[in-house]
N, C-alpha and C. Protein backbone atom coordinates (compact mmCIF):
# COMPACT_ATOMS: atom_id res chain seq x y z
N MET A 1 -147.84 1.85 28.16
CA MET A 1 -149.03 2.38 27.49
C MET A 1 -148.70 3.13 26.22
N PRO A 2 -147.65 4.03 26.23
CA PRO A 2 -147.34 4.72 24.97
C PRO A 2 -146.99 3.76 23.85
N VAL A 3 -146.30 2.68 24.19
CA VAL A 3 -145.92 1.71 23.14
C VAL A 3 -147.14 1.04 22.58
N LEU A 4 -148.05 0.68 23.47
CA LEU A 4 -149.26 0.01 22.99
C LEU A 4 -150.11 0.94 22.14
N SER A 5 -150.23 2.19 22.55
CA SER A 5 -151.03 3.12 21.77
C SER A 5 -150.41 3.40 20.41
N ARG A 6 -149.04 3.43 20.39
CA ARG A 6 -148.38 3.64 19.10
C ARG A 6 -148.60 2.46 18.17
N PHE A 7 -148.53 1.27 18.78
CA PHE A 7 -148.74 0.06 17.97
C PHE A 7 -150.18 0.00 17.46
N ALA A 8 -151.10 0.39 18.31
CA ALA A 8 -152.51 0.40 17.90
C ALA A 8 -152.75 1.42 16.81
N GLY A 9 -152.05 2.56 16.91
CA GLY A 9 -152.22 3.57 15.87
C GLY A 9 -151.69 3.11 14.54
N VAL A 10 -150.57 2.38 14.58
CA VAL A 10 -150.02 1.85 13.31
C VAL A 10 -150.98 0.86 12.69
N LEU A 11 -151.54 -0.01 13.53
CA LEU A 11 -152.49 -1.00 13.00
C LEU A 11 -153.74 -0.34 12.46
N GLY A 12 -154.17 0.74 13.17
CA GLY A 12 -155.40 1.38 12.73
C GLY A 12 -155.25 2.13 11.44
N THR A 13 -154.05 2.59 11.13
CA THR A 13 -153.86 3.34 9.89
C THR A 13 -153.52 2.48 8.70
N ARG A 14 -153.13 1.17 8.94
CA ARG A 14 -152.77 0.30 7.81
C ARG A 14 -154.04 -0.22 7.15
N PRO A 15 -154.16 -0.09 5.86
CA PRO A 15 -155.36 -0.61 5.18
C PRO A 15 -155.39 -2.13 5.19
N LEU A 16 -156.59 -2.68 5.33
CA LEU A 16 -156.74 -4.14 5.32
C LEU A 16 -156.65 -4.66 3.88
N LEU A 17 -155.92 -5.76 3.71
CA LEU A 17 -155.77 -6.36 2.38
C LEU A 17 -156.97 -7.26 2.09
N ARG A 18 -157.60 -7.10 0.99
CA ARG A 18 -158.76 -7.92 0.60
C ARG A 18 -158.48 -8.60 -0.75
N THR A 19 -158.79 -9.87 -0.80
CA THR A 19 -158.62 -10.61 -2.06
C THR A 19 -159.95 -10.65 -2.80
N LYS A 20 -159.91 -10.34 -4.04
CA LYS A 20 -161.12 -10.31 -4.85
C LYS A 20 -161.37 -11.70 -5.44
N VAL A 21 -162.52 -12.29 -5.10
CA VAL A 21 -162.87 -13.62 -5.61
C VAL A 21 -163.73 -13.47 -6.84
N ARG A 22 -163.24 -14.05 -7.93
CA ARG A 22 -163.98 -13.96 -9.18
C ARG A 22 -165.02 -15.07 -9.26
N ALA A 23 -166.18 -14.73 -9.72
CA ALA A 23 -167.24 -15.74 -9.91
C ALA A 23 -166.86 -16.66 -11.05
N PRO A 24 -167.14 -17.96 -10.93
CA PRO A 24 -166.80 -18.90 -12.02
C PRO A 24 -167.55 -18.54 -13.31
N ARG A 25 -166.83 -18.66 -14.41
CA ARG A 25 -167.42 -18.31 -15.72
C ARG A 25 -168.38 -19.41 -16.16
N LYS A 26 -169.54 -19.03 -16.51
CA LYS A 26 -170.56 -19.98 -16.95
C LYS A 26 -170.25 -20.43 -18.37
N VAL A 27 -170.20 -21.79 -18.56
CA VAL A 27 -169.92 -22.37 -19.87
C VAL A 27 -171.22 -22.90 -20.45
N GLY A 28 -171.54 -22.60 -21.67
CA GLY A 28 -172.76 -23.05 -22.30
C GLY A 28 -172.72 -22.81 -23.80
N PHE A 29 -173.83 -23.16 -24.46
CA PHE A 29 -173.94 -22.99 -25.90
C PHE A 29 -174.73 -21.72 -26.20
N THR A 30 -174.33 -21.07 -27.24
CA THR A 30 -175.10 -19.92 -27.69
C THR A 30 -176.25 -20.40 -28.56
N LEU A 31 -177.16 -19.53 -28.82
CA LEU A 31 -178.33 -19.89 -29.64
C LEU A 31 -177.91 -20.31 -31.03
N ILE A 32 -176.94 -19.65 -31.61
CA ILE A 32 -176.47 -20.00 -32.96
C ILE A 32 -175.86 -21.39 -32.97
N GLU A 33 -175.08 -21.71 -31.93
CA GLU A 33 -174.48 -23.04 -31.86
C GLU A 33 -175.55 -24.12 -31.76
N LEU A 34 -176.58 -23.89 -30.96
CA LEU A 34 -177.66 -24.86 -30.83
C LEU A 34 -178.39 -25.06 -32.15
N ILE A 35 -178.62 -23.97 -32.87
CA ILE A 35 -179.30 -24.07 -34.17
C ILE A 35 -178.46 -24.88 -35.16
N LEU A 36 -177.15 -24.66 -35.16
CA LEU A 36 -176.26 -25.41 -36.05
C LEU A 36 -176.27 -26.90 -35.71
N VAL A 37 -176.23 -27.23 -34.42
CA VAL A 37 -176.26 -28.64 -34.01
C VAL A 37 -177.56 -29.30 -34.44
N MET A 38 -178.69 -28.62 -34.23
CA MET A 38 -179.99 -29.17 -34.64
C MET A 38 -180.06 -29.37 -36.14
N ALA A 39 -179.51 -28.44 -36.90
CA ALA A 39 -179.53 -28.58 -38.36
C ALA A 39 -178.72 -29.79 -38.81
N ILE A 40 -177.57 -30.01 -38.17
CA ILE A 40 -176.74 -31.17 -38.51
C ILE A 40 -177.47 -32.47 -38.17
N LEU A 41 -178.13 -32.51 -37.01
CA LEU A 41 -178.88 -33.72 -36.62
C LEU A 41 -180.02 -34.01 -37.59
N VAL A 42 -180.72 -32.97 -38.01
CA VAL A 42 -181.83 -33.16 -38.96
C VAL A 42 -181.31 -33.73 -40.27
N MET A 43 -180.19 -33.20 -40.76
CA MET A 43 -179.63 -33.70 -42.02
C MET A 43 -179.17 -35.15 -41.87
N ALA A 44 -178.57 -35.49 -40.72
CA ALA A 44 -178.10 -36.86 -40.51
C ALA A 44 -179.26 -37.85 -40.47
N VAL A 45 -180.33 -37.46 -39.78
CA VAL A 45 -181.50 -38.35 -39.68
C VAL A 45 -182.15 -38.53 -41.05
N SER A 46 -182.26 -37.46 -41.83
CA SER A 46 -182.89 -37.55 -43.14
C SER A 46 -182.11 -38.45 -44.09
N VAL A 47 -180.79 -38.51 -43.92
CA VAL A 47 -179.96 -39.35 -44.78
C VAL A 47 -180.02 -40.81 -44.35
N THR A 48 -180.00 -41.07 -43.04
CA THR A 48 -179.93 -42.45 -42.55
C THR A 48 -181.30 -43.10 -42.32
N ALA A 49 -182.37 -42.33 -42.29
CA ALA A 49 -183.70 -42.90 -41.99
C ALA A 49 -184.11 -44.00 -42.96
N PRO A 50 -184.00 -43.81 -44.30
CA PRO A 50 -184.41 -44.89 -45.20
C PRO A 50 -183.62 -46.17 -44.99
N ALA A 51 -182.30 -46.04 -44.79
CA ALA A 51 -181.49 -47.23 -44.57
C ALA A 51 -181.88 -47.94 -43.28
N LEU A 52 -182.11 -47.17 -42.23
CA LEU A 52 -182.52 -47.77 -40.96
C LEU A 52 -183.89 -48.44 -41.08
N SER A 53 -184.79 -47.81 -41.82
CA SER A 53 -186.12 -48.38 -42.00
C SER A 53 -186.04 -49.72 -42.70
N ASN A 54 -185.24 -49.81 -43.77
CA ASN A 54 -185.08 -51.07 -44.49
C ASN A 54 -184.43 -52.12 -43.60
N PHE A 55 -183.48 -51.69 -42.78
CA PHE A 55 -182.79 -52.63 -41.89
C PHE A 55 -183.76 -53.26 -40.90
N PHE A 56 -184.58 -52.42 -40.26
CA PHE A 56 -185.50 -52.95 -39.26
C PHE A 56 -186.60 -53.79 -39.90
N ARG A 57 -187.02 -53.45 -41.13
CA ARG A 57 -188.01 -54.28 -41.81
C ARG A 57 -187.42 -55.65 -42.10
N GLY A 58 -186.16 -55.68 -42.55
CA GLY A 58 -185.51 -56.95 -42.81
C GLY A 58 -185.36 -57.79 -41.57
N ARG A 59 -185.02 -57.14 -40.46
CA ARG A 59 -184.89 -57.86 -39.20
C ARG A 59 -186.24 -58.42 -38.77
N SER A 60 -187.32 -57.68 -38.99
CA SER A 60 -188.64 -58.14 -38.61
C SER A 60 -189.02 -59.37 -39.42
N LEU A 61 -188.78 -59.34 -40.74
CA LEU A 61 -189.10 -60.48 -41.59
C LEU A 61 -188.30 -61.70 -41.17
N ASP A 62 -187.02 -61.51 -40.93
CA ASP A 62 -186.16 -62.63 -40.54
C ASP A 62 -186.57 -63.19 -39.18
N SER A 63 -186.84 -62.32 -38.22
CA SER A 63 -187.20 -62.79 -36.88
C SER A 63 -188.54 -63.51 -36.87
N GLU A 64 -189.50 -63.03 -37.66
CA GLU A 64 -190.81 -63.70 -37.71
C GLU A 64 -190.70 -65.06 -38.39
N ALA A 65 -189.85 -65.15 -39.42
CA ALA A 65 -189.65 -66.44 -40.08
C ALA A 65 -189.01 -67.44 -39.11
N ARG A 66 -188.06 -66.96 -38.33
CA ARG A 66 -187.41 -67.84 -37.36
C ARG A 66 -188.38 -68.24 -36.24
N ARG A 67 -189.26 -67.34 -35.87
CA ARG A 67 -190.24 -67.69 -34.84
C ARG A 67 -191.20 -68.75 -35.37
N LEU A 68 -191.61 -68.63 -36.62
CA LEU A 68 -192.47 -69.65 -37.22
C LEU A 68 -191.75 -70.98 -37.30
N LEU A 69 -190.47 -70.95 -37.68
CA LEU A 69 -189.69 -72.19 -37.74
C LEU A 69 -189.58 -72.82 -36.35
N ALA A 70 -189.39 -71.99 -35.33
CA ALA A 70 -189.31 -72.51 -33.96
C ALA A 70 -190.63 -73.16 -33.55
N MET A 71 -191.75 -72.62 -34.03
CA MET A 71 -193.05 -73.23 -33.73
C MET A 71 -193.16 -74.62 -34.35
N THR A 72 -192.60 -74.81 -35.55
CA THR A 72 -192.63 -76.14 -36.16
C THR A 72 -191.79 -77.12 -35.35
N HIS A 73 -190.64 -76.66 -34.87
CA HIS A 73 -189.80 -77.54 -34.04
C HIS A 73 -190.52 -77.89 -32.74
N GLY A 74 -191.16 -76.89 -32.14
CA GLY A 74 -191.88 -77.14 -30.90
C GLY A 74 -193.04 -78.10 -31.09
N GLY A 75 -193.79 -77.93 -32.18
CA GLY A 75 -194.91 -78.83 -32.45
C GLY A 75 -194.47 -80.25 -32.70
N GLN A 76 -193.39 -80.40 -33.46
CA GLN A 76 -192.88 -81.74 -33.73
C GLN A 76 -192.36 -82.41 -32.46
N SER A 77 -191.68 -81.64 -31.63
CA SER A 77 -191.14 -82.18 -30.38
C SER A 77 -192.27 -82.59 -29.43
N ARG A 78 -193.30 -81.77 -29.32
CA ARG A 78 -194.42 -82.10 -28.44
C ARG A 78 -195.17 -83.33 -28.93
N ALA A 79 -195.36 -83.44 -30.26
CA ALA A 79 -196.08 -84.59 -30.80
C ALA A 79 -195.37 -85.89 -30.45
N VAL A 80 -194.03 -85.88 -30.52
CA VAL A 80 -193.26 -87.10 -30.23
C VAL A 80 -193.25 -87.39 -28.74
N SER A 81 -192.99 -86.36 -27.93
CA SER A 81 -192.85 -86.58 -26.49
C SER A 81 -194.17 -86.89 -25.81
N GLU A 82 -195.27 -86.30 -26.29
CA GLU A 82 -196.57 -86.51 -25.65
C GLU A 82 -197.40 -87.58 -26.35
N GLY A 83 -196.96 -88.02 -27.53
CA GLY A 83 -197.71 -89.05 -28.24
C GLY A 83 -199.06 -88.58 -28.73
N VAL A 84 -199.17 -87.28 -29.01
CA VAL A 84 -200.44 -86.68 -29.43
C VAL A 84 -200.18 -85.82 -30.67
N PRO A 85 -201.02 -85.91 -31.70
CA PRO A 85 -200.85 -85.05 -32.87
C PRO A 85 -200.98 -83.57 -32.48
N MET A 86 -200.12 -82.75 -33.08
CA MET A 86 -200.13 -81.32 -32.82
C MET A 86 -200.48 -80.56 -34.10
N ASP A 87 -201.31 -79.55 -33.97
CA ASP A 87 -201.74 -78.75 -35.11
C ASP A 87 -201.11 -77.36 -35.04
N LEU A 88 -200.34 -77.03 -36.06
CA LEU A 88 -199.81 -75.67 -36.21
C LEU A 88 -200.67 -75.00 -37.28
N TRP A 89 -201.65 -74.22 -36.83
CA TRP A 89 -202.60 -73.63 -37.77
C TRP A 89 -202.16 -72.22 -38.15
N LEU A 90 -202.50 -71.86 -39.38
CA LEU A 90 -202.08 -70.58 -39.96
C LEU A 90 -203.32 -69.84 -40.46
N ASP A 91 -203.49 -68.62 -40.00
CA ASP A 91 -204.62 -67.79 -40.42
C ASP A 91 -204.08 -66.59 -41.20
N PRO A 92 -204.00 -66.69 -42.54
CA PRO A 92 -203.44 -65.59 -43.33
C PRO A 92 -204.24 -64.30 -43.22
N ASP A 93 -205.55 -64.39 -43.11
CA ASP A 93 -206.38 -63.18 -43.06
C ASP A 93 -206.13 -62.38 -41.78
N ALA A 94 -206.03 -63.07 -40.65
CA ALA A 94 -205.81 -62.39 -39.38
C ALA A 94 -204.33 -62.23 -39.06
N GLY A 95 -203.45 -62.90 -39.84
CA GLY A 95 -202.03 -62.84 -39.55
C GLY A 95 -201.68 -63.49 -38.23
N THR A 96 -202.37 -64.59 -37.91
CA THR A 96 -202.19 -65.26 -36.62
C THR A 96 -201.74 -66.69 -36.83
N ILE A 97 -200.89 -67.17 -35.92
CA ILE A 97 -200.37 -68.53 -35.97
C ILE A 97 -200.52 -69.13 -34.59
N GLY A 98 -200.92 -70.41 -34.53
CA GLY A 98 -201.10 -71.05 -33.23
C GLY A 98 -200.69 -72.50 -33.26
N LEU A 99 -200.34 -73.02 -32.11
CA LEU A 99 -199.95 -74.43 -31.96
C LEU A 99 -200.76 -75.02 -30.81
N GLU A 100 -201.42 -76.15 -31.10
CA GLU A 100 -202.30 -76.74 -30.09
C GLU A 100 -202.48 -78.22 -30.36
N ALA A 101 -202.65 -79.00 -29.29
CA ALA A 101 -202.93 -80.42 -29.42
C ALA A 101 -204.32 -80.62 -30.01
N GLU A 102 -204.48 -81.66 -30.80
CA GLU A 102 -205.78 -81.91 -31.42
C GLU A 102 -206.84 -82.22 -30.36
N PRO A 103 -208.02 -81.61 -30.49
CA PRO A 103 -209.07 -81.83 -29.49
C PRO A 103 -209.60 -83.25 -29.46
N SER A 104 -209.34 -84.05 -30.50
CA SER A 104 -209.80 -85.44 -30.48
C SER A 104 -209.01 -86.27 -29.48
N TYR A 105 -207.84 -85.75 -29.07
CA TYR A 105 -207.02 -86.46 -28.08
C TYR A 105 -207.07 -85.77 -26.72
N GLU A 106 -207.04 -84.44 -26.72
CA GLU A 106 -207.06 -83.68 -25.48
C GLU A 106 -208.21 -82.67 -25.54
N THR A 107 -209.01 -82.62 -24.49
CA THR A 107 -210.12 -81.65 -24.50
C THR A 107 -209.60 -80.22 -24.43
N THR A 108 -208.57 -80.00 -23.63
CA THR A 108 -207.95 -78.68 -23.54
C THR A 108 -206.43 -78.85 -23.55
N ASP A 109 -205.74 -77.85 -24.05
CA ASP A 109 -204.28 -77.88 -24.12
C ASP A 109 -203.74 -76.71 -23.32
N SER A 110 -203.20 -77.01 -22.15
CA SER A 110 -202.68 -75.94 -21.29
C SER A 110 -201.40 -75.32 -21.84
N HIS A 111 -200.78 -75.99 -22.81
CA HIS A 111 -199.53 -75.47 -23.39
C HIS A 111 -199.75 -74.86 -24.78
N ALA A 112 -200.99 -74.62 -25.12
CA ALA A 112 -201.27 -74.03 -26.43
C ALA A 112 -200.60 -72.66 -26.55
N ALA A 113 -200.11 -72.36 -27.74
CA ALA A 113 -199.41 -71.09 -27.98
C ALA A 113 -200.01 -70.43 -29.22
N GLU A 114 -200.01 -69.11 -29.20
CA GLU A 114 -200.55 -68.35 -30.33
C GLU A 114 -199.84 -67.00 -30.39
N PHE A 115 -199.53 -66.55 -31.59
CA PHE A 115 -198.93 -65.23 -31.73
C PHE A 115 -199.39 -64.59 -33.04
N LYS A 116 -199.30 -63.28 -33.07
CA LYS A 116 -199.72 -62.50 -34.23
C LYS A 116 -198.49 -61.96 -34.93
N LEU A 117 -198.48 -62.03 -36.25
CA LEU A 117 -197.36 -61.53 -37.03
C LEU A 117 -197.22 -60.02 -36.88
N ASP A 118 -196.03 -59.54 -37.16
CA ASP A 118 -195.80 -58.09 -37.19
C ASP A 118 -196.76 -57.45 -38.20
N ALA A 119 -197.18 -56.22 -37.89
CA ALA A 119 -198.19 -55.55 -38.72
C ALA A 119 -197.73 -55.37 -40.16
N GLY A 120 -196.43 -55.31 -40.40
CA GLY A 120 -195.93 -55.09 -41.75
C GLY A 120 -195.73 -56.36 -42.55
N LEU A 121 -196.14 -57.51 -42.01
CA LEU A 121 -195.95 -58.79 -42.68
C LEU A 121 -197.29 -59.46 -42.95
N ARG A 122 -197.29 -60.33 -43.95
CA ARG A 122 -198.49 -61.12 -44.23
C ARG A 122 -198.09 -62.53 -44.65
N LEU A 123 -199.04 -63.45 -44.50
CA LEU A 123 -198.84 -64.86 -44.82
C LEU A 123 -199.53 -65.21 -46.13
N GLU A 124 -198.91 -66.09 -46.88
CA GLU A 124 -199.56 -66.68 -48.06
C GLU A 124 -199.22 -68.15 -48.10
N ILE A 125 -200.24 -68.98 -48.29
CA ILE A 125 -200.05 -70.43 -48.41
C ILE A 125 -200.50 -70.84 -49.80
N PRO A 126 -199.56 -71.16 -50.69
CA PRO A 126 -199.95 -71.56 -52.04
C PRO A 126 -200.80 -72.83 -52.04
N GLN A 127 -201.68 -72.91 -53.03
CA GLN A 127 -202.50 -74.11 -53.17
C GLN A 127 -201.61 -75.28 -53.53
N GLN A 128 -201.92 -76.44 -52.98
CA GLN A 128 -201.15 -77.63 -53.30
C GLN A 128 -202.09 -78.72 -53.78
N ALA A 129 -201.50 -79.68 -54.47
CA ALA A 129 -202.30 -80.77 -54.99
C ALA A 129 -202.86 -81.59 -53.84
N PRO A 130 -204.07 -82.09 -53.98
CA PRO A 130 -204.66 -82.90 -52.90
C PRO A 130 -203.84 -84.16 -52.65
N ALA A 131 -203.91 -84.64 -51.42
CA ALA A 131 -203.18 -85.85 -51.05
C ALA A 131 -203.71 -87.03 -51.85
N PRO A 132 -202.81 -87.96 -52.23
CA PRO A 132 -203.26 -89.12 -53.01
C PRO A 132 -204.27 -89.95 -52.25
N ALA A 133 -205.23 -90.47 -52.98
CA ALA A 133 -206.28 -91.28 -52.35
C ALA A 133 -205.70 -92.59 -51.85
N ALA A 134 -206.33 -93.14 -50.84
CA ALA A 134 -205.88 -94.42 -50.29
C ALA A 134 -206.10 -95.52 -51.31
N PRO A 135 -205.22 -96.52 -51.35
CA PRO A 135 -205.38 -97.61 -52.32
C PRO A 135 -206.71 -98.35 -52.10
N ALA A 136 -207.23 -98.80 -53.21
CA ALA A 136 -208.52 -99.51 -53.15
C ALA A 136 -208.36 -100.83 -52.40
N LEU A 137 -209.39 -101.17 -51.65
CA LEU A 137 -209.38 -102.41 -50.88
C LEU A 137 -209.88 -103.57 -51.75
N ALA A 138 -209.40 -104.75 -51.42
CA ALA A 138 -209.86 -105.94 -52.13
C ALA A 138 -211.31 -106.22 -51.76
N PRO A 139 -212.04 -106.91 -52.61
CA PRO A 139 -213.44 -107.21 -52.31
C PRO A 139 -213.58 -107.94 -50.97
N GLY A 140 -214.45 -107.42 -50.13
CA GLY A 140 -214.68 -108.03 -48.83
C GLY A 140 -213.70 -107.56 -47.76
N GLN A 141 -212.64 -106.79 -48.14
CA GLN A 141 -211.66 -106.33 -47.17
C GLN A 141 -212.13 -105.03 -46.52
N MET A 142 -211.94 -104.92 -45.21
CA MET A 142 -212.35 -103.73 -44.48
C MET A 142 -211.12 -103.01 -43.92
N ALA A 143 -211.17 -101.70 -43.99
CA ALA A 143 -210.06 -100.90 -43.47
C ALA A 143 -210.07 -100.95 -41.94
N SER A 144 -208.90 -101.09 -41.36
CA SER A 144 -208.78 -101.13 -39.91
C SER A 144 -208.58 -99.72 -39.38
N VAL A 145 -209.44 -99.36 -38.45
CA VAL A 145 -209.33 -98.02 -37.85
C VAL A 145 -209.23 -98.13 -36.33
N ALA A 146 -208.91 -99.33 -35.85
CA ALA A 146 -208.89 -99.55 -34.41
C ALA A 146 -207.84 -98.68 -33.72
N SER A 147 -206.67 -98.51 -34.36
CA SER A 147 -205.58 -97.77 -33.72
C SER A 147 -205.39 -96.38 -34.32
N VAL A 148 -206.31 -95.95 -35.15
CA VAL A 148 -206.18 -94.65 -35.80
C VAL A 148 -207.43 -93.83 -35.51
N PRO A 149 -207.45 -93.10 -34.40
CA PRO A 149 -208.63 -92.28 -34.11
C PRO A 149 -208.81 -91.22 -35.19
N PRO A 150 -210.04 -90.86 -35.48
CA PRO A 150 -210.27 -89.85 -36.52
C PRO A 150 -209.65 -88.52 -36.13
N SER A 151 -209.05 -87.86 -37.14
CA SER A 151 -208.42 -86.56 -36.88
C SER A 151 -209.50 -85.49 -36.78
N LYS A 152 -209.28 -84.59 -35.84
CA LYS A 152 -210.20 -83.48 -35.64
C LYS A 152 -209.35 -82.24 -35.42
N LEU A 153 -209.11 -81.50 -36.49
CA LEU A 153 -208.22 -80.37 -36.43
C LEU A 153 -208.77 -79.28 -35.52
N VAL A 154 -207.85 -78.50 -34.96
CA VAL A 154 -208.25 -77.39 -34.10
C VAL A 154 -209.06 -76.37 -34.89
N HIS A 155 -208.58 -76.05 -36.10
CA HIS A 155 -209.28 -75.13 -37.00
C HIS A 155 -209.39 -75.80 -38.38
N PRO A 156 -210.44 -76.59 -38.60
CA PRO A 156 -210.54 -77.35 -39.85
C PRO A 156 -210.53 -76.48 -41.11
N SER A 157 -210.97 -75.22 -40.99
CA SER A 157 -211.05 -74.37 -42.18
C SER A 157 -209.74 -73.65 -42.50
N LEU A 158 -208.72 -73.80 -41.65
CA LEU A 158 -207.46 -73.09 -41.86
C LEU A 158 -206.36 -74.06 -42.30
N PRO A 159 -205.39 -73.58 -43.08
CA PRO A 159 -204.23 -74.42 -43.40
C PRO A 159 -203.52 -74.84 -42.11
N THR A 160 -203.21 -76.12 -42.00
CA THR A 160 -202.66 -76.65 -40.75
C THR A 160 -201.51 -77.60 -41.03
N ILE A 161 -200.39 -77.37 -40.36
CA ILE A 161 -199.30 -78.33 -40.37
C ILE A 161 -199.56 -79.31 -39.24
N ARG A 162 -199.83 -80.55 -39.58
CA ARG A 162 -200.22 -81.55 -38.59
C ARG A 162 -199.05 -82.47 -38.29
N PHE A 163 -198.52 -82.35 -37.07
CA PHE A 163 -197.38 -83.18 -36.65
C PHE A 163 -197.90 -84.44 -35.99
N LEU A 164 -197.38 -85.58 -36.43
CA LEU A 164 -197.83 -86.87 -35.93
C LEU A 164 -196.88 -87.38 -34.84
N PRO A 165 -197.36 -88.30 -33.97
CA PRO A 165 -196.53 -88.79 -32.86
C PRO A 165 -195.26 -89.50 -33.29
N ASP A 166 -195.18 -89.94 -34.57
CA ASP A 166 -193.95 -90.62 -35.02
C ASP A 166 -192.90 -89.63 -35.52
N GLY A 167 -193.18 -88.32 -35.40
CA GLY A 167 -192.19 -87.32 -35.80
C GLY A 167 -192.37 -86.79 -37.21
N THR A 168 -193.28 -87.36 -37.96
CA THR A 168 -193.53 -86.89 -39.32
C THR A 168 -194.70 -85.90 -39.29
N PHE A 169 -195.06 -85.38 -40.47
CA PHE A 169 -196.26 -84.55 -40.55
C PHE A 169 -197.17 -85.10 -41.63
N ALA A 170 -198.46 -84.83 -41.48
CA ALA A 170 -199.47 -85.39 -42.37
C ALA A 170 -199.27 -84.90 -43.79
N ALA A 171 -199.74 -85.72 -44.74
CA ALA A 171 -199.59 -85.37 -46.15
C ALA A 171 -200.39 -84.14 -46.52
N THR A 172 -201.38 -83.79 -45.74
CA THR A 172 -202.20 -82.61 -46.02
C THR A 172 -201.55 -81.31 -45.54
N SER A 173 -200.42 -81.42 -44.85
CA SER A 173 -199.75 -80.22 -44.35
C SER A 173 -199.21 -79.38 -45.50
N PRO A 174 -199.28 -78.05 -45.39
CA PRO A 174 -198.74 -77.20 -46.47
C PRO A 174 -197.27 -77.48 -46.70
N LYS A 175 -196.91 -77.59 -47.97
CA LYS A 175 -195.51 -77.85 -48.31
C LYS A 175 -194.66 -76.59 -48.23
N LYS A 176 -195.30 -75.43 -48.33
CA LYS A 176 -194.55 -74.18 -48.27
C LYS A 176 -195.45 -73.06 -47.76
N VAL A 177 -194.84 -72.15 -47.03
CA VAL A 177 -195.53 -70.98 -46.50
C VAL A 177 -194.67 -69.77 -46.82
N GLU A 178 -195.29 -68.72 -47.35
CA GLU A 178 -194.54 -67.52 -47.73
C GLU A 178 -194.83 -66.38 -46.75
N LEU A 179 -193.77 -65.75 -46.28
CA LEU A 179 -193.85 -64.56 -45.45
C LEU A 179 -193.43 -63.37 -46.30
N ILE A 180 -194.32 -62.38 -46.42
CA ILE A 180 -194.07 -61.24 -47.30
C ILE A 180 -194.09 -59.96 -46.49
N ALA A 181 -193.07 -59.13 -46.69
CA ALA A 181 -193.00 -57.84 -46.00
C ALA A 181 -193.68 -56.77 -46.85
N ARG A 182 -193.89 -55.61 -46.25
CA ARG A 182 -194.60 -54.53 -46.91
C ARG A 182 -193.83 -54.01 -48.13
N ASP A 183 -192.50 -54.07 -48.09
CA ASP A 183 -191.70 -53.57 -49.20
C ASP A 183 -191.51 -54.59 -50.31
N GLY A 184 -192.14 -55.77 -50.18
CA GLY A 184 -192.06 -56.79 -51.22
C GLY A 184 -191.04 -57.87 -50.97
N SER A 185 -190.17 -57.71 -49.99
CA SER A 185 -189.21 -58.77 -49.66
C SER A 185 -189.96 -59.95 -49.03
N PHE A 186 -189.38 -61.13 -49.15
CA PHE A 186 -190.10 -62.33 -48.69
C PHE A 186 -189.12 -63.42 -48.27
N LEU A 187 -189.63 -64.37 -47.50
CA LEU A 187 -188.92 -65.59 -47.13
C LEU A 187 -189.91 -66.74 -47.19
N TRP A 188 -189.38 -67.93 -47.43
CA TRP A 188 -190.23 -69.11 -47.53
C TRP A 188 -189.92 -70.08 -46.39
N LEU A 189 -190.97 -70.70 -45.85
CA LEU A 189 -190.84 -71.84 -44.96
C LEU A 189 -191.25 -73.06 -45.77
N VAL A 190 -190.29 -73.92 -46.05
CA VAL A 190 -190.49 -75.02 -47.00
C VAL A 190 -190.15 -76.34 -46.34
N GLN A 191 -190.87 -77.39 -46.74
CA GLN A 191 -190.53 -78.72 -46.26
C GLN A 191 -189.14 -79.10 -46.73
N ALA A 192 -188.35 -79.66 -45.82
CA ALA A 192 -186.99 -80.08 -46.17
C ALA A 192 -187.04 -81.27 -47.12
N ALA A 193 -185.89 -81.53 -47.74
CA ALA A 193 -185.83 -82.61 -48.73
C ALA A 193 -186.15 -83.96 -48.12
N ASP A 194 -185.82 -84.16 -46.84
CA ASP A 194 -186.10 -85.45 -46.21
C ASP A 194 -187.55 -85.59 -45.74
N LYS A 195 -188.34 -84.52 -45.91
CA LYS A 195 -189.75 -84.53 -45.52
C LYS A 195 -189.95 -84.78 -44.02
N GLN A 196 -188.94 -84.45 -43.24
CA GLN A 196 -189.02 -84.66 -41.80
C GLN A 196 -189.05 -83.35 -41.02
N SER A 197 -188.88 -82.23 -41.70
CA SER A 197 -188.83 -80.94 -41.00
C SER A 197 -189.07 -79.83 -42.01
N TYR A 198 -189.10 -78.60 -41.50
CA TYR A 198 -189.22 -77.42 -42.34
C TYR A 198 -187.95 -76.60 -42.21
N GLU A 199 -187.69 -75.75 -43.20
CA GLU A 199 -186.51 -74.90 -43.18
C GLU A 199 -186.83 -73.58 -43.89
N ILE A 200 -186.05 -72.56 -43.57
CA ILE A 200 -186.24 -71.22 -44.16
C ILE A 200 -185.40 -71.12 -45.43
N ARG A 201 -186.02 -70.62 -46.49
CA ARG A 201 -185.32 -70.42 -47.76
C ARG A 201 -185.69 -69.07 -48.35
N THR A 202 -184.85 -68.60 -49.26
CA THR A 202 -185.14 -67.36 -49.96
C THR A 202 -185.93 -67.60 -51.24
N THR A 203 -186.08 -68.86 -51.62
CA THR A 203 -186.93 -69.24 -52.76
C THR A 203 -187.86 -70.34 -52.30
N ASP A 204 -188.83 -70.69 -53.15
CA ASP A 204 -189.77 -71.75 -52.78
C ASP A 204 -189.30 -73.12 -53.23
N GLN A 205 -188.07 -73.21 -53.71
CA GLN A 205 -187.55 -74.49 -54.17
C GLN A 205 -186.53 -75.05 -53.17
């Protein structure tokens, strides 16, 4: 018992060792640092904004021209594969373009497509010379129309690229279409030299 009491007394008089745990230091930005970062961002945006704006406008003009070119390819392909004339009509006032089979052959076209140009773009179709008149017939000769049904355009009052079943397009089709951006840049959709397709150019020649 004396030994145990002595041992207990020694333990009772020894101070307990405690380790002090430090709280983790919070890492963050001060108000001045945040203000400096915001000022740098504002200056960077003000410098790059005009260049970015011109870049996206250029991309819009290029992408819309390519979409219009794709519509010509689609119309020509459908006219050949389905044996039906296809009308690619252009509405410069509304900025709308559509592709549809002629109603004289099909009452409705389930594959008709239509899209509206980007708000910053507009269409212009230059006036072209009228198609040459048909050669005069000999006295007593009658024109044969048995295999040529009369054309009935989807939108007779609008400029129309008319694709025929033989892969060509009608002589009344616009020879060139101009796409103009808000900043004055432009691209042309022009009939190719072989008169069998359209292509994108930076000039109308």
